[in-house]
Amino acid sequence: MDAKITLSFDEAVIKKAKRYAQEQNISLSRMIEFLLKKITTSQYNSLEEFPIADWVNQLAEGEA
């Protein structure tokens, strides 16, 4: 069952994330759901250990 939540992000991050999701032919909601599922079902001690941490940082900082 899907549930709705409200999140706030920097506008530039949202634009880049939407563009990336579109290029991957997936909705932004499903992309975020995938990332959250990966984070919450793994045994990482911190987000820095998570394999996509570099990608997330690049996206957030505008390097992607």
PDB file of N, CA and C in Angstrom:
ATOM      1  N   MET A   1       0.842  -1.182   0.000  1.00  0.00           N
ATOM      2  CA  MET A   1       0.000   0.000   0.000  1.00  0.00           C
ATOM      3  C   MET A   1       0.883   1.241   0.000  1.00  0.00           C
ATOM      4  N   ASP A   2       0.629   2.147  -0.883  1.00  0.00           N
ATOM      5  CA  ASP A   2       1.389   3.384  -0.945  1.00  0.00           C
ATOM      6  C   ASP A   2       0.834   4.396   0.048  1.00  0.00           C
ATOM      7  N   ALA A   3       1.715   5.175   0.620  1.00  0.00           N
ATOM      8  CA  ALA A   3       1.350   6.271   1.510  1.00  0.00           C
ATOM      9  C   ALA A   3       2.088   7.507   1.045  1.00  0.00           C
ATOM     10  N   LYS A   4       1.518   8.665   1.276  1.00  0.00           N
ATOM     11  CA  LYS A   4       2.141   9.906   0.839  1.00  0.00           C
ATOM     12  C   LYS A   4       2.863  10.568   2.006  1.00  0.00           C
ATOM     13  N   ILE A   5       3.999  11.208   1.660  1.00  0.00           N
ATOM     14  CA  ILE A   5       4.734  12.011   2.627  1.00  0.00           C
ATOM     15  C   ILE A   5       5.138  13.308   1.938  1.00  0.00           C
ATOM     16  N   THR A   6       5.468  14.282   2.716  1.00  0.00           N
ATOM     17  CA  THR A   6       5.951  15.548   2.178  1.00  0.00           C
ATOM     18  C   THR A   6       7.395  15.723   2.601  1.00  0.00           C
ATOM     19  N   LEU A   7       8.257  15.990   1.634  1.00  0.00           N
ATOM     20  CA  LEU A   7       9.672  16.205   1.878  1.00  0.00           C
ATOM     21  C   LEU A   7      10.067  17.558   1.301  1.00  0.00           C
ATOM     22  N   SER A   8      11.077  18.170   1.872  1.00  0.00           N
ATOM     23  CA  SER A   8      11.582  19.440   1.360  1.00  0.00           C
ATOM     24  C   SER A   8      13.043  19.268   0.964  1.00  0.00           C
ATOM     25  N   PHE A   9      13.376  19.723  -0.244  1.00  0.00           N
ATOM     26  CA  PHE A   9      14.728  19.652  -0.768  1.00  0.00           C
ATOM     27  C   PHE A   9      15.062  20.982  -1.418  1.00  0.00           C
ATOM     28  N   ASP A  10      16.339  21.211  -1.599  1.00  0.00           N
ATOM     29  CA  ASP A  10      16.786  22.363  -2.360  1.00  0.00           C
ATOM     30  C   ASP A  10      16.208  22.248  -3.773  1.00  0.00           C
ATOM     31  N   GLU A  11      15.741  23.355  -4.314  1.00  0.00           N
ATOM     32  CA  GLU A  11      15.088  23.327  -5.634  1.00  0.00           C
ATOM     33  C   GLU A  11      16.006  22.788  -6.733  1.00  0.00           C
ATOM     34  N   ALA A  12      17.269  23.126  -6.677  1.00  0.00           N
ATOM     35  CA  ALA A  12      18.218  22.639  -7.690  1.00  0.00           C
ATOM     36  C   ALA A  12      18.364  21.125  -7.607  1.00  0.00           C
ATOM     37  N   VAL A  13      18.370  20.591  -6.401  1.00  0.00           N
ATOM     38  CA  VAL A  13      18.468  19.139  -6.220  1.00  0.00           C
ATOM     39  C   VAL A  13      17.236  18.462  -6.805  1.00  0.00           C
ATOM     40  N   ILE A  14      16.083  19.032  -6.566  1.00  0.00           N
ATOM     41  CA  ILE A  14      14.841  18.468  -7.092  1.00  0.00           C
ATOM     42  C   ILE A  14      14.875  18.434  -8.617  1.00  0.00           C
ATOM     43  N   LYS A  15      15.301  19.524  -9.235  1.00  0.00           N
ATOM     44  CA  LYS A  15      15.352  19.577 -10.700  1.00  0.00           C
ATOM     45  C   LYS A  15      16.279  18.513 -11.258  1.00  0.00           C
ATOM     46  N   LYS A  16      17.460  18.373 -10.649  1.00  0.00           N
ATOM     47  CA  LYS A  16      18.419  17.376 -11.124  1.00  0.00           C
ATOM     48  C   LYS A  16      17.906  15.963 -10.893  1.00  0.00           C
ATOM     49  N   ALA A  17      17.270  15.739  -9.749  1.00  0.00           N
ATOM     50  CA  ALA A  17      16.734  14.415  -9.442  1.00  0.00           C
ATOM     51  C   ALA A  17      15.607  14.054 -10.405  1.00  0.00           C
ATOM     52  N   LYS A  18      14.752  14.992 -10.712  1.00  0.00           N
ATOM     53  CA  LYS A  18      13.666  14.748 -11.667  1.00  0.00           C
ATOM     54  C   LYS A  18      14.224  14.413 -13.047  1.00  0.00           C
ATOM     55  N   ARG A  19      15.227  15.156 -13.451  1.00  0.00           N
ATOM     56  CA  ARG A  19      15.846  14.914 -14.756  1.00  0.00           C
ATOM     57  C   ARG A  19      16.490  13.525 -14.781  1.00  0.00           C
ATOM     58  N   TYR A  20      17.203  13.182 -13.712  1.00  0.00           N
ATOM     59  CA  TYR A  20      17.839  11.864 -13.633  1.00  0.00           C
ATOM     60  C   TYR A  20      16.782  10.761 -13.672  1.00  0.00           C
ATOM     61  N   ALA A  21      15.724  10.902 -12.885  1.00  0.00           N
ATOM     62  CA  ALA A  21      14.663   9.893 -12.857  1.00  0.00           C
ATOM     63  C   ALA A  21      14.040   9.740 -14.242  1.00  0.00           C
ATOM     64  N   GLN A  22      13.805  10.847 -14.914  1.00  0.00           N
ATOM     65  CA  GLN A  22      13.218  10.791 -16.258  1.00  0.00           C
ATOM     66  C   GLN A  22      14.148  10.064 -17.221  1.00  0.00           C
ATOM     67  N   GLU A  23      15.443  10.353 -17.139  1.00  0.00           N
ATOM     68  CA  GLU A  23      16.411   9.681 -18.007  1.00  0.00           C
ATOM     69  C   GLU A  23      16.466   8.180 -17.739  1.00  0.00           C
ATOM     70  N   GLN A  24      16.178   7.791 -16.498  1.00  0.00           N
ATOM     71  CA  GLN A  24      16.184   6.381 -16.117  1.00  0.00           C
ATOM     72  C   GLN A  24      14.819   5.724 -16.327  1.00  0.00           C
ATOM     73  N   ASN A  25      13.861   6.515 -16.830  1.00  0.00           N
ATOM     74  CA  ASN A  25      12.507   6.028 -17.094  1.00  0.00           C
ATOM     75  C   ASN A  25      11.836   5.483 -15.826  1.00  0.00           C
ATOM     76  N   ILE A  26      11.972   6.244 -14.740  1.00  0.00           N
ATOM     77  CA  ILE A  26      11.362   5.880 -13.468  1.00  0.00           C
ATOM     78  C   ILE A  26      10.825   7.155 -12.828  1.00  0.00           C
ATOM     79  N   SER A  27       9.773   7.029 -12.058  1.00  0.00           N
ATOM     80  CA  SER A  27       9.244   8.217 -11.401  1.00  0.00           C
ATOM     81  C   SER A  27      10.164   8.614 -10.251  1.00  0.00           C
ATOM     82  N   LEU A  28      10.143   9.879  -9.914  1.00  0.00           N
ATOM     83  CA  LEU A  28      10.946  10.363  -8.797  1.00  0.00           C
ATOM     84  C   LEU A  28      10.529   9.659  -7.510  1.00  0.00           C
ATOM     85  N   SER A  29       9.256   9.421  -7.338  1.00  0.00           N
ATOM     86  CA  SER A  29       8.765   8.727  -6.143  1.00  0.00           C
ATOM     87  C   SER A  29       9.353   7.325  -6.034  1.00  0.00           C
ATOM     88  N   ARG A  30       9.357   6.595  -7.132  1.00  0.00           N
ATOM     89  CA  ARG A  30       9.891   5.222  -7.110  1.00  0.00           C
ATOM     90  C   ARG A  30      11.401   5.227  -6.907  1.00  0.00           C
ATOM     91  N   MET A  31      12.079   6.227  -7.470  1.00  0.00           N
ATOM     92  CA  MET A  31      13.519   6.315  -7.278  1.00  0.00           C
ATOM     93  C   MET A  31      13.846   6.555  -5.794  1.00  0.00           C
ATOM     94  N   ILE A  32      13.147   7.477  -5.173  1.00  0.00           N
ATOM     95  CA  ILE A  32      13.365   7.762  -3.753  1.00  0.00           C
ATOM     96  C   ILE A  32      12.985   6.547  -2.913  1.00  0.00           C
ATOM     97  N   GLU A  33      11.889   5.878  -3.269  1.00  0.00           N
ATOM     98  CA  GLU A  33      11.484   4.671  -2.547  1.00  0.00           C
ATOM     99  C   GLU A  33      12.584   3.611  -2.632  1.00  0.00           C
ATOM    100  N   PHE A  34      13.147   3.430  -3.816  1.00  0.00           N
ATOM    101  CA  PHE A  34      14.229   2.463  -4.010  1.00  0.00           C
ATOM    102  C   PHE A  34      15.417   2.803  -3.110  1.00  0.00           C
ATOM    103  N   LEU A  35      15.818   4.064  -3.110  1.00  0.00           N
ATOM    104  CA  LEU A  35      16.959   4.476  -2.294  1.00  0.00           C
ATOM    105  C   LEU A  35      16.698   4.288  -0.806  1.00  0.00           C
ATOM    106  N   LEU A  36      15.513   4.652  -0.362  1.00  0.00           N
ATOM    107  CA  LEU A  36      15.164   4.481   1.054  1.00  0.00           C
ATOM    108  C   LEU A  36      15.116   3.004   1.442  1.00  0.00           C
ATOM    109  N   LYS A  37      14.596   2.180   0.550  1.00  0.00           N
ATOM    110  CA  LYS A  37      14.538   0.745   0.816  1.00  0.00           C
ATOM    111  C   LYS A  37      15.945   0.178   0.943  1.00  0.00           C
ATOM    112  N   LYS A  38      16.851   0.597   0.031  1.00  0.00           N
ATOM    113  CA  LYS A  38      18.233   0.127   0.088  1.00  0.00           C
ATOM    114  C   LYS A  38      18.896   0.531   1.406  1.00  0.00           C
ATOM    115  N   ILE A  39      18.685   1.750   1.807  1.00  0.00           N
ATOM    116  CA  ILE A  39      19.297   2.255   3.037  1.00  0.00           C
ATOM    117  C   ILE A  39      18.768   1.516   4.260  1.00  0.00           C
ATOM    118  N   THR A  40      17.471   1.295   4.310  1.00  0.00           N
ATOM    119  CA  THR A  40      16.860   0.733   5.520  1.00  0.00           C
ATOM    120  C   THR A  40      16.937  -0.782   5.606  1.00  0.00           C
ATOM    121  N   THR A  41      17.311  -1.448   4.534  1.00  0.00           N
ATOM    122  CA  THR A  41      17.391  -2.911   4.583  1.00  0.00           C
ATOM    123  C   THR A  41      18.828  -3.415   4.586  1.00  0.00           C
ATOM    124  N   SER A  42      19.777  -2.514   4.663  1.00  0.00           N
ATOM    125  CA  SER A  42      21.187  -2.895   4.636  1.00  0.00           C
ATOM    126  C   SER A  42      21.815  -2.704   6.007  1.00  0.00           C
ATOM    127  N   GLN A  43      22.977  -3.274   6.169  1.00  0.00           N
ATOM    128  CA  GLN A  43      23.673  -3.223   7.445  1.00  0.00           C
ATOM    129  C   GLN A  43      24.830  -2.223   7.429  1.00  0.00           C
ATOM    130  N   TYR A  44      24.580  -1.043   6.927  1.00  0.00           N
ATOM    131  CA  TYR A  44      25.613  -0.020   6.896  1.00  0.00           C
ATOM    132  C   TYR A  44      25.626   0.719   8.231  1.00  0.00           C
ATOM    133  N   ASN A  45      26.818   1.074   8.702  1.00  0.00           N
ATOM    134  CA  ASN A  45      26.954   1.807   9.958  1.00  0.00           C
ATOM    135  C   ASN A  45      26.701   3.299   9.774  1.00  0.00           C
ATOM    136  N   SER A  46      26.858   3.770   8.549  1.00  0.00           N
ATOM    137  CA  SER A  46      26.617   5.184   8.270  1.00  0.00           C
ATOM    138  C   SER A  46      26.284   5.335   6.789  1.00  0.00           C
ATOM    139  N   LEU A  47      25.758   6.486   6.430  1.00  0.00           N
ATOM    140  CA  LEU A  47      25.436   6.745   5.026  1.00  0.00           C
ATOM    141  C   LEU A  47      26.688   6.809   4.170  1.00  0.00           C
ATOM    142  N   GLU A  48      27.824   7.173   4.766  1.00  0.00           N
ATOM    143  CA  GLU A  48      29.071   7.233   4.009  1.00  0.00           C
ATOM    144  C   GLU A  48      29.477   5.855   3.490  1.00  0.00           C
ATOM    145  N   GLU A  49      29.071   4.798   4.169  1.00  0.00           N
ATOM    146  CA  GLU A  49      29.371   3.438   3.729  1.00  0.00           C
ATOM    147  C   GLU A  49      28.463   2.987   2.592  1.00  0.00           C
ATOM    148  N   PHE A  50      27.350   3.645   2.429  1.00  0.00           N
ATOM    149  CA  PHE A  50      26.371   3.257   1.428  1.00  0.00           C
ATOM    150  C   PHE A  50      26.937   3.521   0.037  1.00  0.00           C
ATOM    151  N   PRO A  51      26.873   2.548  -0.877  1.00  0.00           N
ATOM    152  CA  PRO A  51      27.506   2.669  -2.194  1.00  0.00           C
ATOM    153  C   PRO A  51      27.090   3.878  -3.014  1.00  0.00           C
ATOM    154  N   ILE A  52      25.907   4.406  -2.822  1.00  0.00           N
ATOM    155  CA  ILE A  52      25.494   5.545  -3.637  1.00  0.00           C
ATOM    156  C   ILE A  52      25.764   6.869  -2.947  1.00  0.00           C
ATOM    157  N   ALA A  53      26.417   6.842  -1.794  1.00  0.00           N
ATOM    158  CA  ALA A  53      26.659   8.078  -1.058  1.00  0.00           C
ATOM    159  C   ALA A  53      27.365   9.120  -1.921  1.00  0.00           C
ATOM    160  N   ASP A  54      28.370   8.710  -2.694  1.00  0.00           N
ATOM    161  CA  ASP A  54      29.079   9.646  -3.556  1.00  0.00           C
ATOM    162  C   ASP A  54      28.143  10.250  -4.586  1.00  0.00           C
ATOM    163  N   TRP A  55      27.280   9.417  -5.176  1.00  0.00           N
ATOM    164  CA  TRP A  55      26.332   9.915  -6.174  1.00  0.00           C
ATOM    165  C   TRP A  55      25.370  10.913  -5.552  1.00  0.00           C
ATOM    166  N   VAL A  56      24.865  10.601  -4.372  1.00  0.00           N
ATOM    167  CA  VAL A  56      23.927  11.505  -3.694  1.00  0.00           C
ATOM    168  C   VAL A  56      24.617  12.828  -3.384  1.00  0.00           C
ATOM    169  N   ASN A  57      25.838  12.764  -2.886  1.00  0.00           N
ATOM    170  CA  ASN A  57      26.581  13.991  -2.601  1.00  0.00           C
ATOM    171  C   ASN A  57      26.807  14.801  -3.863  1.00  0.00           C
ATOM    172  N   GLN A  58      27.153  14.165  -4.953  1.00  0.00           N
ATOM    173  CA  GLN A  58      27.377  14.870  -6.204  1.00  0.00           C
ATOM    174  C   GLN A  58      26.097  15.517  -6.692  1.00  0.00           C
ATOM    175  N   LEU A  59      24.997  14.804  -6.582  1.00  0.00           N
ATOM    176  CA  LEU A  59      23.717  15.349  -7.005  1.00  0.00           C
ATOM    177  C   LEU A  59      23.355  16.565  -6.152  1.00  0.00           C
ATOM    178  N   ALA A  60      23.529  16.433  -4.844  1.00  0.00           N
ATOM    179  CA  ALA A  60      23.178  17.515  -3.930  1.00  0.00           C
ATOM    180  C   ALA A  60      24.091  18.725  -4.120  1.00  0.00           C
ATOM    181  N   GLU A  61      25.361  18.485  -4.457  1.00  0.00           N
ATOM    182  CA  GLU A  61      26.328  19.564  -4.586  1.00  0.00           C
ATOM    183  C   GLU A  61      26.466  20.078  -6.017  1.00  0.00           C
ATOM    184  N   GLY A  62      25.738  19.488  -6.938  1.00  0.00           N
ATOM    185  CA  GLY A  62      25.739  19.969  -8.306  1.00  0.00           C
ATOM    186  C   GLY A  62      26.848  19.435  -9.185  1.00  0.00           C
ATOM    187  N   GLU A  63      27.556  18.395  -8.757  1.00  0.00           N
ATOM    188  CA  GLU A  63      28.637  17.851  -9.567  1.00  0.00           C
ATOM    189  C   GLU A  63      28.159  16.785 -10.543  1.00  0.00           C
ATOM    190  N   ALA A  64      26.971  16.240 -10.335  1.00  0.00           N
ATOM    191  CA  ALA A  64      26.476  15.139 -11.178  1.00  0.00           C
ATOM    192  C   ALA A  64      25.998  15.670 -12.517  1.00  0.00           C
TER     193      ALA A  64
END
